[in-house]
């Protein structure tokens, strides 16, 4: 089967994809032993390059510096509390409800 039949339309596929497909077809035609040894060598070379990069490229030096806190800007006066918050209850609201509940219970008994 022709490898050009695998590609639908050259305009739909980038040059890089076509190049990779051609290299893949060439790789598949190799003897399995040669193909395996080629990939072992490529992988070993990339691993060696990765390991050597830690030796050739030294790590960055960390120099601790004291961080200065920013100075506070001019203070603005917050507006005065004009009323109560919606979430605040008067201090004795629960007590008043409890007393009315207790009084209702006692008045029913009488």
N, C-alpha and C. Protein backbone atom coordinates (compact mmCIF):
# COMPACT_ATOMS: atom_id res chain seq x y z
N UNK A 1 0.85 -1.16 0.00
CA UNK A 1 0.00 0.00 0.00
C UNK A 1 0.90 1.24 0.00
N UNK A 2 0.54 2.21 -0.73
CA UNK A 2 1.32 3.43 -0.84
C UNK A 2 1.11 4.29 0.41
N UNK A 3 2.20 4.87 0.92
CA UNK A 3 2.09 5.65 2.14
C UNK A 3 1.34 6.95 1.91
N UNK A 4 1.27 7.41 0.66
CA UNK A 4 0.55 8.65 0.38
C UNK A 4 -0.96 8.45 0.48
N UNK A 5 -1.40 7.21 0.41
CA UNK A 5 -2.82 6.94 0.56
C UNK A 5 -3.27 7.12 2.01
N UNK A 6 -2.33 7.01 2.96
CA UNK A 6 -2.67 7.18 4.38
C UNK A 6 -3.01 8.63 4.71
N UNK A 7 -2.43 9.57 3.96
CA UNK A 7 -2.67 10.99 4.20
C UNK A 7 -3.85 11.42 3.35
N UNK A 8 -4.85 12.06 4.01
CA UNK A 8 -6.06 12.43 3.28
C UNK A 8 -5.77 13.52 2.25
N UNK A 9 -5.31 14.65 2.72
CA UNK A 9 -5.08 15.78 1.85
C UNK A 9 -3.86 16.53 2.37
N UNK A 10 -2.86 16.81 1.54
CA UNK A 10 -1.65 17.48 2.04
C UNK A 10 -1.94 18.84 2.66
N UNK A 11 -2.99 19.51 2.25
CA UNK A 11 -3.29 20.81 2.84
C UNK A 11 -3.84 20.67 4.25
N UNK A 12 -4.45 19.52 4.56
CA UNK A 12 -5.01 19.32 5.90
C UNK A 12 -3.94 18.93 6.92
N UNK A 13 -2.79 18.47 6.45
CA UNK A 13 -1.75 17.97 7.34
C UNK A 13 -0.52 18.87 7.20
N UNK A 14 0.09 19.19 8.32
CA UNK A 14 1.26 20.07 8.29
C UNK A 14 2.48 19.34 7.75
N UNK A 15 3.48 20.10 7.38
CA UNK A 15 4.72 19.50 6.88
C UNK A 15 5.37 18.63 7.93
N UNK A 16 5.32 19.10 9.16
CA UNK A 16 5.93 18.33 10.25
C UNK A 16 5.26 16.97 10.39
N UNK A 17 3.92 16.93 10.30
CA UNK A 17 3.20 15.66 10.42
C UNK A 17 3.57 14.73 9.27
N UNK A 18 3.66 15.29 8.07
CA UNK A 18 4.05 14.45 6.93
C UNK A 18 5.47 13.93 7.10
N UNK A 19 6.36 14.79 7.60
CA UNK A 19 7.76 14.39 7.82
C UNK A 19 7.83 13.27 8.86
N UNK A 20 7.08 13.40 9.95
CA UNK A 20 7.06 12.37 11.00
C UNK A 20 6.48 11.08 10.46
N UNK A 21 5.44 11.17 9.65
CA UNK A 21 4.84 9.96 9.07
C UNK A 21 5.83 9.24 8.14
N UNK A 22 6.57 10.01 7.35
CA UNK A 22 7.57 9.40 6.47
C UNK A 22 8.67 8.73 7.28
N UNK A 23 9.14 9.40 8.34
CA UNK A 23 10.17 8.79 9.19
C UNK A 23 9.63 7.54 9.90
N UNK A 24 8.38 7.56 10.28
CA UNK A 24 7.78 6.40 10.92
C UNK A 24 7.69 5.23 9.94
N UNK A 25 7.34 5.52 8.69
CA UNK A 25 7.29 4.46 7.68
C UNK A 25 8.67 3.86 7.44
N UNK A 26 9.70 4.73 7.39
CA UNK A 26 11.08 4.24 7.21
C UNK A 26 11.50 3.39 8.41
N UNK A 27 11.09 3.83 9.60
CA UNK A 27 11.46 3.11 10.82
C UNK A 27 10.80 1.72 10.85
N UNK A 28 9.58 1.64 10.37
CA UNK A 28 8.88 0.35 10.36
C UNK A 28 9.47 -0.64 9.37
N UNK A 29 10.16 -0.12 8.36
CA UNK A 29 10.77 -1.02 7.37
C UNK A 29 12.09 -1.60 7.87
N UNK A 30 12.64 -1.08 8.97
CA UNK A 30 13.90 -1.59 9.49
C UNK A 30 13.72 -2.98 10.11
N UNK A 31 14.84 -3.68 10.23
CA UNK A 31 14.88 -4.96 10.91
C UNK A 31 14.53 -4.71 12.38
N UNK A 32 13.72 -5.56 13.01
CA UNK A 32 13.32 -5.32 14.40
C UNK A 32 14.50 -5.18 15.36
N UNK A 33 15.58 -5.93 15.15
CA UNK A 33 16.75 -5.83 16.03
C UNK A 33 17.43 -4.47 15.85
N UNK A 34 17.57 -4.01 14.61
CA UNK A 34 18.18 -2.70 14.36
C UNK A 34 17.29 -1.59 14.92
N UNK A 35 16.00 -1.77 14.74
CA UNK A 35 15.05 -0.77 15.22
C UNK A 35 15.12 -0.66 16.74
N UNK A 36 15.18 -1.79 17.43
CA UNK A 36 15.25 -1.79 18.88
C UNK A 36 16.56 -1.17 19.36
N UNK A 37 17.67 -1.54 18.72
CA UNK A 37 18.97 -0.99 19.14
C UNK A 37 19.03 0.51 18.87
N UNK A 38 18.42 0.97 17.79
CA UNK A 38 18.41 2.40 17.48
C UNK A 38 17.68 3.17 18.58
N UNK A 39 16.52 2.66 19.00
CA UNK A 39 15.76 3.36 20.03
C UNK A 39 16.43 3.27 21.40
N UNK A 40 17.14 2.18 21.66
CA UNK A 40 17.90 2.09 22.92
C UNK A 40 19.00 3.14 22.94
N UNK A 41 19.71 3.30 21.81
CA UNK A 41 20.77 4.31 21.74
C UNK A 41 20.21 5.73 21.87
N UNK A 42 19.10 6.00 21.23
CA UNK A 42 18.50 7.33 21.32
C UNK A 42 18.06 7.62 22.75
N UNK A 43 17.43 6.66 23.39
CA UNK A 43 16.97 6.84 24.76
C UNK A 43 18.14 7.01 25.72
N UNK A 44 19.20 6.21 25.54
CA UNK A 44 20.38 6.32 26.40
C UNK A 44 21.05 7.68 26.21
N UNK A 45 21.13 8.16 24.97
CA UNK A 45 21.73 9.46 24.70
C UNK A 45 20.93 10.58 25.38
N UNK A 46 19.62 10.53 25.28
CA UNK A 46 18.79 11.56 25.91
C UNK A 46 18.90 11.52 27.44
N UNK A 47 18.97 10.31 27.99
CA UNK A 47 19.13 10.20 29.45
C UNK A 47 20.49 10.74 29.88
N UNK A 48 21.54 10.43 29.12
CA UNK A 48 22.88 10.93 29.45
C UNK A 48 22.91 12.45 29.36
N UNK A 49 22.27 13.00 28.34
CA UNK A 49 22.21 14.46 28.19
C UNK A 49 21.47 15.08 29.38
N UNK A 50 20.41 14.45 29.82
CA UNK A 50 19.66 14.93 30.98
C UNK A 50 20.53 14.88 32.23
N UNK A 51 21.25 13.78 32.45
CA UNK A 51 22.09 13.64 33.65
C UNK A 51 23.25 14.64 33.62
N UNK A 52 23.84 14.85 32.47
CA UNK A 52 24.97 15.77 32.36
C UNK A 52 24.52 17.22 32.55
N UNK A 53 23.29 17.51 32.22
CA UNK A 53 22.81 18.88 32.37
C UNK A 53 22.84 19.34 33.82
N UNK A 54 22.73 18.40 34.77
CA UNK A 54 22.81 18.78 36.18
C UNK A 54 24.23 19.12 36.59
N UNK A 55 25.21 18.60 35.87
CA UNK A 55 26.61 18.87 36.19
C UNK A 55 27.05 20.16 35.50
N UNK A 56 26.74 20.31 34.23
CA UNK A 56 27.19 21.48 33.47
C UNK A 56 26.47 22.75 33.86
N UNK A 57 25.21 22.65 34.14
CA UNK A 57 24.43 23.84 34.49
C UNK A 57 24.26 23.85 36.00
N UNK A 58 25.02 24.70 36.69
CA UNK A 58 24.91 24.71 38.16
C UNK A 58 23.57 25.28 38.60
N UNK A 59 23.19 24.87 39.78
CA UNK A 59 21.92 25.36 40.31
C UNK A 59 22.07 26.81 40.73
N UNK A 60 20.99 27.51 40.79
CA UNK A 60 21.01 28.92 41.17
C UNK A 60 21.32 29.07 42.65
N UNK A 61 22.00 30.14 42.97
CA UNK A 61 22.33 30.43 44.37
C UNK A 61 21.19 31.23 44.98
N UNK A 62 20.78 30.81 46.17
CA UNK A 62 19.72 31.50 46.87
C UNK A 62 20.37 32.39 47.91
N UNK A 63 20.10 33.68 47.79
CA UNK A 63 20.65 34.64 48.74
C UNK A 63 19.49 35.23 49.52
N UNK A 64 19.36 34.81 50.77
CA UNK A 64 18.22 35.33 51.54
C UNK A 64 18.40 36.81 51.84
N UNK A 65 17.37 37.56 51.62
CA UNK A 65 17.36 38.99 51.94
C UNK A 65 16.20 39.25 52.87
N UNK A 66 16.41 40.21 53.74
CA UNK A 66 15.36 40.58 54.66
C UNK A 66 14.29 41.34 53.88
N UNK A 67 13.07 40.90 54.02
CA UNK A 67 11.97 41.54 53.32
C UNK A 67 11.43 42.65 54.21
N UNK A 68 11.41 43.84 53.66
CA UNK A 68 10.92 44.98 54.41
C UNK A 68 9.40 45.07 54.25
N UNK A 69 8.74 45.28 55.35
CA UNK A 69 7.29 45.44 55.31
C UNK A 69 6.98 46.83 54.77
N UNK A 70 5.99 46.94 53.92
CA UNK A 70 5.65 48.27 53.40
C UNK A 70 5.12 49.16 54.51
N UNK A 71 5.44 50.44 54.42
CA UNK A 71 4.96 51.38 55.42
C UNK A 71 3.47 51.61 55.23
N UNK A 72 2.79 51.77 56.34
CA UNK A 72 1.35 51.99 56.27
C UNK A 72 1.08 53.37 55.70
N UNK A 73 0.12 53.42 54.82
CA UNK A 73 -0.26 54.69 54.23
C UNK A 73 -1.09 55.50 55.21
N UNK A 74 -1.54 56.65 54.78
CA UNK A 74 -2.36 57.46 55.69
C UNK A 74 -3.66 56.73 56.02
N UNK A 75 -4.00 56.78 57.28
CA UNK A 75 -5.21 56.11 57.73
C UNK A 75 -6.43 56.96 57.36
N UNK A 76 -7.43 56.31 56.88
CA UNK A 76 -8.67 57.01 56.58
C UNK A 76 -9.67 56.66 57.65
N UNK A 77 -10.43 57.63 58.03
CA UNK A 77 -11.45 57.38 59.06
C UNK A 77 -12.61 56.64 58.44
N UNK A 78 -12.95 55.53 59.06
CA UNK A 78 -14.09 54.76 58.59
C UNK A 78 -15.36 55.50 58.96
N UNK A 79 -16.37 55.41 58.13
CA UNK A 79 -17.63 56.10 58.47
C UNK A 79 -18.20 55.52 59.76
N UNK A 80 -18.84 56.39 60.50
CA UNK A 80 -19.42 55.95 61.77
C UNK A 80 -20.53 54.94 61.50
N UNK A 81 -20.70 54.03 62.43
CA UNK A 81 -21.72 52.99 62.28
C UNK A 81 -23.09 53.66 62.38
N UNK A 82 -23.79 53.74 61.26
CA UNK A 82 -25.06 54.45 61.22
C UNK A 82 -26.21 53.62 61.76
N UNK A 83 -26.05 52.35 61.79
CA UNK A 83 -27.13 51.50 62.27
C UNK A 83 -26.59 50.12 62.56
N UNK A 84 -27.49 49.23 62.90
CA UNK A 84 -27.05 47.88 63.20
C UNK A 84 -26.89 47.08 61.92
N UNK A 85 -26.03 46.13 62.02
CA UNK A 85 -25.85 45.22 60.89
C UNK A 85 -27.06 44.30 60.81
N UNK A 86 -27.32 43.80 59.65
CA UNK A 86 -28.45 42.90 59.47
C UNK A 86 -28.25 41.58 60.20
N UNK A 87 -27.01 41.28 60.50
CA UNK A 87 -26.72 40.00 61.16
C UNK A 87 -26.68 40.11 62.68
N UNK A 88 -26.73 41.32 63.20
CA UNK A 88 -26.67 41.50 64.65
C UNK A 88 -28.07 41.42 65.24
N UNK A 89 -28.17 40.76 66.35
CA UNK A 89 -29.42 40.70 67.10
C UNK A 89 -29.22 41.44 68.41
N UNK A 90 -30.27 42.02 68.93
CA UNK A 90 -30.12 42.62 70.26
C UNK A 90 -29.72 41.55 71.27
N UNK A 91 -29.06 41.99 72.31
CA UNK A 91 -28.51 41.04 73.27
C UNK A 91 -29.59 40.19 73.91
N UNK A 92 -30.72 40.80 74.23
CA UNK A 92 -31.74 40.06 74.97
C UNK A 92 -32.84 39.49 74.08
N UNK A 93 -32.66 39.45 72.78
CA UNK A 93 -33.75 38.97 71.92
C UNK A 93 -34.06 37.50 72.19
N UNK A 94 -33.06 36.69 72.39
CA UNK A 94 -33.30 35.28 72.66
C UNK A 94 -33.98 35.11 74.02
N UNK A 95 -33.52 35.92 74.98
CA UNK A 95 -34.12 35.83 76.31
C UNK A 95 -35.60 36.21 76.27
N UNK A 96 -35.92 37.24 75.50
CA UNK A 96 -37.33 37.67 75.42
C UNK A 96 -38.18 36.58 74.77
N UNK A 97 -37.68 35.97 73.73
CA UNK A 97 -38.44 34.90 73.09
C UNK A 97 -38.62 33.72 74.04
N UNK A 98 -37.58 33.40 74.79
CA UNK A 98 -37.66 32.28 75.74
C UNK A 98 -38.68 32.58 76.84
N UNK A 99 -38.67 33.81 77.34
CA UNK A 99 -39.62 34.18 78.40
C UNK A 99 -41.05 34.10 77.90
N UNK A 100 -41.30 34.59 76.69
CA UNK A 100 -42.67 34.52 76.17
C UNK A 100 -43.09 33.08 75.96
N UNK A 101 -42.17 32.24 75.53
CA UNK A 101 -42.50 30.82 75.35
C UNK A 101 -42.83 30.17 76.68
N UNK A 102 -42.04 30.49 77.70
CA UNK A 102 -42.28 29.92 79.03
C UNK A 102 -43.60 30.44 79.59
N UNK A 103 -43.84 31.74 79.41
CA UNK A 103 -45.09 32.32 79.92
C UNK A 103 -46.31 31.75 79.22
N UNK A 104 -46.22 31.47 77.96
CA UNK A 104 -47.34 30.86 77.25
C UNK A 104 -47.62 29.46 77.78
N UNK A 105 -46.53 28.75 78.08
CA UNK A 105 -46.70 27.39 78.60
C UNK A 105 -47.33 27.39 79.97
N UNK A 106 -46.98 28.35 80.82
CA UNK A 106 -47.53 28.42 82.17
C UNK A 106 -48.96 28.93 82.16
N UNK A 107 -49.28 29.84 81.23
CA UNK A 107 -50.65 30.35 81.21
C UNK A 107 -51.63 29.28 80.73
N UNK A 108 -51.18 28.37 79.90
CA UNK A 108 -52.05 27.28 79.43
C UNK A 108 -52.34 26.29 80.55
N UNK A 109 -51.39 26.12 81.45
CA UNK A 109 -51.58 25.18 82.55
C UNK A 109 -52.59 25.71 83.54
N UNK A 110 -52.63 27.03 83.71
CA UNK A 110 -53.54 27.62 84.69
C UNK A 110 -54.91 27.60 84.12
